[in-house]
């Protein structure tokens, strides 16, 4: 009988996604702060849109990363 083990390759992929999510979690709000502190500049609207998209990407990557990590631990493989 084979014991269940964590799929290390899938776990590493999930951790990479979580790391990228962490970077986006700091970058997005920082760019929002910069955009709101420079409202008179011409790049205010594009920077604000970009920062909001980065925040949305951070949440998406966090969910996908957690799902990937959970799949690496609990996924049943059929052999």
N, C-alpha and C. Protein backbone atom coordinates (compact mmCIF):
# COMPACT_ATOMS: atom_id res chain seq x y z
N UNK A 1 0.84 -1.19 0.00
CA UNK A 1 0.00 0.00 0.00
C UNK A 1 0.88 1.24 0.00
N UNK A 2 0.57 2.13 -0.90
CA UNK A 2 1.35 3.36 -1.03
C UNK A 2 0.82 4.43 -0.10
N UNK A 3 1.72 5.11 0.60
CA UNK A 3 1.30 6.18 1.50
C UNK A 3 1.12 7.48 0.72
N UNK A 4 0.25 8.32 1.22
CA UNK A 4 0.00 9.61 0.56
C UNK A 4 1.11 10.57 0.94
N UNK A 5 1.66 11.22 -0.07
CA UNK A 5 2.72 12.19 0.16
C UNK A 5 2.41 13.46 -0.60
N UNK A 6 3.06 14.52 -0.15
CA UNK A 6 2.89 15.80 -0.80
C UNK A 6 3.65 15.82 -2.13
N UNK A 7 2.98 16.29 -3.17
CA UNK A 7 3.62 16.44 -4.46
C UNK A 7 4.48 17.71 -4.39
N UNK A 8 5.80 17.52 -4.32
CA UNK A 8 6.70 18.64 -4.07
C UNK A 8 6.75 19.63 -5.24
N UNK A 9 6.63 19.14 -6.46
CA UNK A 9 6.66 20.05 -7.62
C UNK A 9 5.45 20.99 -7.60
N UNK A 10 4.29 20.43 -7.31
CA UNK A 10 3.08 21.25 -7.24
C UNK A 10 3.14 22.20 -6.05
N UNK A 11 3.71 21.75 -4.95
CA UNK A 11 3.86 22.61 -3.78
C UNK A 11 4.75 23.80 -4.08
N UNK A 12 5.83 23.58 -4.79
CA UNK A 12 6.74 24.67 -5.14
C UNK A 12 6.05 25.67 -6.07
N UNK A 13 5.25 25.18 -7.01
CA UNK A 13 4.49 26.08 -7.89
C UNK A 13 3.54 26.94 -7.07
N UNK A 14 2.87 26.33 -6.10
CA UNK A 14 1.95 27.08 -5.25
C UNK A 14 2.67 28.12 -4.41
N UNK A 15 3.83 27.78 -3.88
CA UNK A 15 4.60 28.73 -3.08
C UNK A 15 5.10 29.89 -3.93
N UNK A 16 5.46 29.62 -5.18
CA UNK A 16 5.87 30.70 -6.08
C UNK A 16 4.72 31.66 -6.34
N UNK A 17 3.52 31.11 -6.54
CA UNK A 17 2.35 31.96 -6.76
C UNK A 17 2.05 32.79 -5.52
N UNK A 18 2.21 32.19 -4.34
CA UNK A 18 1.97 32.93 -3.11
C UNK A 18 3.02 34.02 -2.91
N UNK A 19 4.26 33.75 -3.30
CA UNK A 19 5.30 34.77 -3.21
C UNK A 19 5.03 35.94 -4.13
N UNK A 20 4.58 35.64 -5.35
CA UNK A 20 4.23 36.71 -6.29
C UNK A 20 3.02 37.49 -5.78
N UNK A 21 2.09 36.80 -5.15
CA UNK A 21 0.94 37.46 -4.55
C UNK A 21 1.38 38.41 -3.44
N UNK A 22 2.35 38.00 -2.65
CA UNK A 22 2.85 38.84 -1.57
C UNK A 22 3.49 40.12 -2.11
N UNK A 23 4.24 39.99 -3.20
CA UNK A 23 4.84 41.17 -3.83
C UNK A 23 3.75 42.11 -4.32
N UNK A 24 2.72 41.55 -4.95
CA UNK A 24 1.61 42.38 -5.45
C UNK A 24 0.82 43.01 -4.31
N UNK A 25 0.74 42.33 -3.17
CA UNK A 25 0.02 42.88 -2.02
C UNK A 25 0.69 44.13 -1.46
N UNK A 26 2.00 44.24 -1.61
CA UNK A 26 2.69 45.44 -1.18
C UNK A 26 2.78 46.48 -2.29
N UNK A 27 2.95 46.05 -3.52
CA UNK A 27 3.12 46.96 -4.64
C UNK A 27 1.82 47.71 -4.97
N UNK A 28 0.69 47.01 -4.97
CA UNK A 28 -0.58 47.64 -5.33
C UNK A 28 -0.97 48.79 -4.43
N UNK A 29 -1.06 48.59 -3.11
CA UNK A 29 -1.42 49.70 -2.23
C UNK A 29 -0.39 50.83 -2.23
N UNK A 30 0.88 50.51 -2.43
CA UNK A 30 1.90 51.55 -2.51
C UNK A 30 1.66 52.44 -3.72
N UNK A 31 1.34 51.81 -4.85
CA UNK A 31 1.06 52.59 -6.06
C UNK A 31 -0.24 53.39 -5.92
N UNK A 32 -1.21 52.85 -5.20
CA UNK A 32 -2.45 53.61 -4.96
C UNK A 32 -2.13 54.86 -4.13
N UNK A 33 -1.30 54.71 -3.14
CA UNK A 33 -0.91 55.85 -2.31
C UNK A 33 -0.18 56.91 -3.14
N UNK A 34 0.73 56.46 -3.99
CA UNK A 34 1.47 57.39 -4.86
C UNK A 34 0.52 58.09 -5.82
N UNK A 35 -0.43 57.34 -6.37
CA UNK A 35 -1.38 57.94 -7.31
C UNK A 35 -2.24 58.99 -6.62
N UNK A 36 -2.74 58.70 -5.42
CA UNK A 36 -3.60 59.66 -4.73
C UNK A 36 -2.82 60.87 -4.21
N UNK A 37 -1.53 60.71 -3.97
CA UNK A 37 -0.76 61.86 -3.50
C UNK A 37 -0.33 62.78 -4.65
N UNK A 38 -0.47 62.34 -5.90
CA UNK A 38 -0.12 63.15 -7.06
C UNK A 38 -1.31 63.28 -8.01
N UNK A 39 -2.43 63.76 -7.52
CA UNK A 39 -3.64 63.84 -8.33
C UNK A 39 -3.55 64.89 -9.43
N UNK A 40 -2.67 65.86 -9.30
CA UNK A 40 -2.58 66.90 -10.32
C UNK A 40 -1.69 66.49 -11.51
N UNK A 41 -1.00 65.38 -11.42
CA UNK A 41 -0.13 64.91 -12.51
C UNK A 41 -0.96 64.29 -13.62
N UNK A 42 -0.35 64.18 -14.80
CA UNK A 42 -1.07 63.64 -15.96
C UNK A 42 -1.22 62.12 -15.90
N UNK A 43 -0.34 61.45 -15.20
CA UNK A 43 -0.40 59.99 -15.13
C UNK A 43 -1.21 59.49 -13.94
N UNK A 44 -2.04 60.33 -13.36
CA UNK A 44 -2.83 59.94 -12.19
C UNK A 44 -3.79 58.79 -12.50
N UNK A 45 -4.58 58.93 -13.55
CA UNK A 45 -5.59 57.92 -13.88
C UNK A 45 -4.94 56.60 -14.33
N UNK A 46 -3.95 56.60 -15.24
CA UNK A 46 -3.33 55.31 -15.62
C UNK A 46 -2.65 54.60 -14.45
N UNK A 47 -2.01 55.37 -13.57
CA UNK A 47 -1.35 54.77 -12.41
C UNK A 47 -2.37 54.20 -11.44
N UNK A 48 -3.48 54.88 -11.27
CA UNK A 48 -4.54 54.38 -10.39
C UNK A 48 -5.15 53.10 -10.94
N UNK A 49 -5.40 53.06 -12.24
CA UNK A 49 -5.95 51.86 -12.87
C UNK A 49 -4.97 50.70 -12.74
N UNK A 50 -3.69 50.96 -13.00
CA UNK A 50 -2.67 49.92 -12.88
C UNK A 50 -2.58 49.38 -11.46
N UNK A 51 -2.62 50.26 -10.49
CA UNK A 51 -2.49 49.82 -9.10
C UNK A 51 -3.70 49.01 -8.65
N UNK A 52 -4.90 49.38 -9.11
CA UNK A 52 -6.09 48.61 -8.77
C UNK A 52 -6.03 47.22 -9.41
N UNK A 53 -5.54 47.16 -10.65
CA UNK A 53 -5.37 45.85 -11.31
C UNK A 53 -4.35 44.98 -10.58
N UNK A 54 -3.29 45.58 -10.07
CA UNK A 54 -2.29 44.82 -9.31
C UNK A 54 -2.90 44.30 -8.01
N UNK A 55 -3.75 45.09 -7.37
CA UNK A 55 -4.42 44.61 -6.15
C UNK A 55 -5.35 43.44 -6.45
N UNK A 56 -6.08 43.52 -7.55
CA UNK A 56 -6.95 42.41 -7.95
C UNK A 56 -6.13 41.18 -8.28
N UNK A 57 -4.99 41.38 -8.95
CA UNK A 57 -4.09 40.27 -9.27
C UNK A 57 -3.54 39.61 -8.01
N UNK A 58 -3.27 40.40 -6.98
CA UNK A 58 -2.77 39.85 -5.72
C UNK A 58 -3.78 38.91 -5.08
N UNK A 59 -5.04 39.32 -5.08
CA UNK A 59 -6.09 38.47 -4.49
C UNK A 59 -6.26 37.20 -5.32
N UNK A 60 -6.26 37.34 -6.64
CA UNK A 60 -6.41 36.18 -7.53
C UNK A 60 -5.24 35.20 -7.34
N UNK A 61 -4.03 35.71 -7.29
CA UNK A 61 -2.87 34.82 -7.12
C UNK A 61 -2.88 34.15 -5.75
N UNK A 62 -3.38 34.84 -4.74
CA UNK A 62 -3.46 34.23 -3.41
C UNK A 62 -4.42 33.04 -3.42
N UNK A 63 -5.59 33.21 -4.05
CA UNK A 63 -6.55 32.10 -4.12
C UNK A 63 -5.99 30.94 -4.95
N UNK A 64 -5.40 31.25 -6.09
CA UNK A 64 -4.85 30.19 -6.95
C UNK A 64 -3.68 29.51 -6.25
N UNK A 65 -2.85 30.28 -5.57
CA UNK A 65 -1.71 29.69 -4.84
C UNK A 65 -2.17 28.77 -3.73
N UNK A 66 -3.17 29.19 -2.97
CA UNK A 66 -3.69 28.32 -1.90
C UNK A 66 -4.32 27.05 -2.46
N UNK A 67 -5.04 27.20 -3.56
CA UNK A 67 -5.64 26.02 -4.19
C UNK A 67 -4.56 25.06 -4.67
N UNK A 68 -3.50 25.59 -5.25
CA UNK A 68 -2.40 24.75 -5.73
C UNK A 68 -1.71 24.04 -4.56
N UNK A 69 -1.50 24.74 -3.47
CA UNK A 69 -0.87 24.13 -2.30
C UNK A 69 -1.77 23.04 -1.72
N UNK A 70 -3.05 23.30 -1.63
CA UNK A 70 -3.97 22.28 -1.12
C UNK A 70 -4.03 21.08 -2.05
N UNK A 71 -4.00 21.31 -3.36
CA UNK A 71 -3.99 20.20 -4.32
C UNK A 71 -2.72 19.36 -4.16
N UNK A 72 -1.60 20.01 -3.85
CA UNK A 72 -0.36 19.25 -3.71
C UNK A 72 -0.39 18.35 -2.47
N UNK A 73 -1.16 18.74 -1.47
CA UNK A 73 -1.21 17.94 -0.24
C UNK A 73 -2.32 16.89 -0.25
N UNK A 74 -3.47 17.22 -0.82
CA UNK A 74 -4.63 16.36 -0.67
C UNK A 74 -5.15 15.76 -1.96
N UNK A 75 -4.52 16.01 -3.06
CA UNK A 75 -5.02 15.52 -4.35
C UNK A 75 -4.77 14.03 -4.48
N UNK A 76 -5.79 13.29 -4.90
CA UNK A 76 -5.65 11.84 -5.09
C UNK A 76 -5.23 11.57 -6.53
N UNK A 77 -4.13 10.91 -6.68
CA UNK A 77 -3.68 10.56 -8.04
C UNK A 77 -4.19 9.16 -8.38
N UNK A 78 -4.56 8.97 -9.62
CA UNK A 78 -5.01 7.65 -10.07
C UNK A 78 -3.88 7.02 -10.86
N UNK A 79 -3.43 5.89 -10.41
CA UNK A 79 -2.34 5.18 -11.09
C UNK A 79 -2.86 3.93 -11.74
